[in-house]
N, C-alpha and C. Protein backbone atom coordinates (compact mmCIF):
# COMPACT_ATOMS: atom_id res chain seq x y z
N MET A 1 88.31 90.23 149.87
CA MET A 1 89.00 89.83 148.62
C MET A 1 89.49 91.09 147.90
N PRO A 2 90.79 91.19 147.66
CA PRO A 2 91.32 92.37 146.96
C PRO A 2 91.00 92.34 145.47
N LYS A 3 91.07 93.52 144.88
CA LYS A 3 90.84 93.64 143.44
C LYS A 3 91.97 92.96 142.67
N ARG A 4 91.67 92.58 141.45
CA ARG A 4 92.70 92.02 140.56
C ARG A 4 93.68 93.12 140.18
N THR A 5 94.89 92.74 139.78
CA THR A 5 95.93 93.73 139.52
C THR A 5 95.75 94.42 138.17
N TYR A 6 95.16 93.74 137.19
CA TYR A 6 95.02 94.34 135.86
C TYR A 6 93.63 94.93 135.70
N GLN A 7 93.56 96.26 135.66
CA GLN A 7 92.30 96.98 135.43
C GLN A 7 92.48 97.76 134.12
N PRO A 8 92.03 97.19 132.99
CA PRO A 8 92.34 97.78 131.69
C PRO A 8 91.72 99.16 131.45
N HIS A 9 92.50 100.05 130.85
CA HIS A 9 92.04 101.37 130.42
C HIS A 9 92.68 101.64 129.06
N ARG A 10 91.85 101.82 128.04
CA ARG A 10 92.38 102.04 126.69
C ARG A 10 93.28 103.28 126.62
N LYS A 11 92.83 104.35 127.26
CA LYS A 11 93.58 105.62 127.20
C LYS A 11 94.96 105.45 127.83
N ARG A 12 95.00 104.82 128.98
CA ARG A 12 96.28 104.60 129.67
C ARG A 12 97.19 103.70 128.85
N ALA A 13 96.61 102.64 128.27
CA ALA A 13 97.39 101.70 127.46
C ALA A 13 97.99 102.41 126.25
N LYS A 14 97.19 103.26 125.59
CA LYS A 14 97.68 104.01 124.43
C LYS A 14 98.82 104.94 124.81
N LYS A 15 98.66 105.62 125.94
CA LYS A 15 99.69 106.56 126.39
C LYS A 15 101.00 105.85 126.71
N LYS A 16 100.89 104.64 127.24
CA LYS A 16 102.09 103.90 127.65
C LYS A 16 102.71 103.06 126.53
N HIS A 17 101.84 102.42 125.72
CA HIS A 17 102.33 101.44 124.74
C HIS A 17 101.90 101.73 123.31
N GLY A 18 101.34 102.91 123.07
CA GLY A 18 100.82 103.23 121.74
C GLY A 18 101.92 103.50 120.71
N PHE A 19 101.49 103.64 119.46
CA PHE A 19 102.42 103.84 118.35
C PHE A 19 103.22 105.13 118.51
N LEU A 20 102.55 106.23 118.88
CA LEU A 20 103.23 107.52 118.99
C LEU A 20 104.24 107.50 120.13
N LYS A 21 103.91 106.82 121.21
CA LYS A 21 104.83 106.68 122.34
C LYS A 21 106.08 105.90 121.91
N ARG A 22 105.86 104.83 121.14
CA ARG A 22 106.98 104.04 120.64
C ARG A 22 107.89 104.87 119.72
N MET A 23 107.26 105.65 118.84
CA MET A 23 108.02 106.43 117.87
C MET A 23 108.74 107.62 118.49
N SER A 24 108.41 107.96 119.74
CA SER A 24 109.01 109.13 120.37
C SER A 24 110.41 108.86 120.89
N SER A 25 110.80 107.59 121.01
CA SER A 25 112.15 107.27 121.48
C SER A 25 112.88 106.40 120.47
N SER A 26 114.20 106.43 120.54
CA SER A 26 114.99 105.66 119.57
C SER A 26 114.81 104.16 119.80
N THR A 27 114.72 103.74 121.06
CA THR A 27 114.53 102.31 121.34
C THR A 27 113.15 101.84 120.89
N GLY A 28 112.16 102.72 121.04
CA GLY A 28 110.81 102.41 120.58
C GLY A 28 110.77 102.23 119.07
N LYS A 29 111.51 103.10 118.36
CA LYS A 29 111.61 102.98 116.90
C LYS A 29 112.23 101.64 116.53
N ASN A 30 113.24 101.22 117.30
CA ASN A 30 113.88 99.92 117.06
C ASN A 30 112.86 98.80 117.17
N ILE A 31 112.00 98.87 118.19
CA ILE A 31 110.97 97.85 118.40
C ILE A 31 110.03 97.80 117.21
N ILE A 32 109.56 98.98 116.77
CA ILE A 32 108.63 99.06 115.62
C ILE A 32 109.28 98.46 114.38
N ASN A 33 110.54 98.85 114.12
CA ASN A 33 111.24 98.34 112.93
C ASN A 33 111.46 96.84 113.01
N LYS A 34 111.76 96.33 114.19
CA LYS A 34 111.96 94.90 114.38
C LYS A 34 110.66 94.14 114.07
N ARG A 35 109.54 94.71 114.54
CA ARG A 35 108.24 94.07 114.29
C ARG A 35 107.88 94.15 112.80
N ARG A 36 108.25 95.25 112.14
CA ARG A 36 108.03 95.37 110.68
C ARG A 36 108.82 94.29 109.95
N ARG A 37 110.10 94.14 110.32
CA ARG A 37 110.97 93.15 109.67
C ARG A 37 110.43 91.74 109.87
N LYS A 38 109.90 91.48 111.06
CA LYS A 38 109.37 90.15 111.36
C LYS A 38 108.07 89.89 110.62
N GLY A 39 107.40 90.99 110.19
CA GLY A 39 106.17 90.84 109.43
C GLY A 39 104.92 90.81 110.32
N ARG A 40 105.02 91.42 111.47
CA ARG A 40 103.87 91.48 112.39
C ARG A 40 102.73 92.25 111.75
N HIS A 41 101.52 91.71 111.90
CA HIS A 41 100.33 92.40 111.39
C HIS A 41 100.05 93.63 112.23
N LYS A 42 100.21 93.51 113.55
CA LYS A 42 100.02 94.63 114.46
C LYS A 42 101.38 95.07 114.99
N LEU A 43 101.68 96.34 114.86
CA LEU A 43 102.98 96.85 115.32
C LEU A 43 102.94 97.20 116.80
N THR A 44 101.77 97.66 117.27
CA THR A 44 101.62 97.99 118.68
C THR A 44 100.37 97.32 119.23
N LYS A 45 100.33 97.18 120.52
CA LYS A 45 99.24 96.46 121.18
C LYS A 45 97.91 97.18 121.03
N VAL A 46 97.92 98.49 121.25
CA VAL A 46 96.64 99.24 121.22
C VAL A 46 96.58 100.24 120.07
């Protein structure tokens, strides 16, 4: 039986989907701003 595909790691998740990673690119900033406008309680997953 093979391992499941999702093996969670907080550090990896932060590096890939964290707030600083989002803010480092213009498209990421767009995502953050869109979530702010929508009124999301959490702007990023981790």
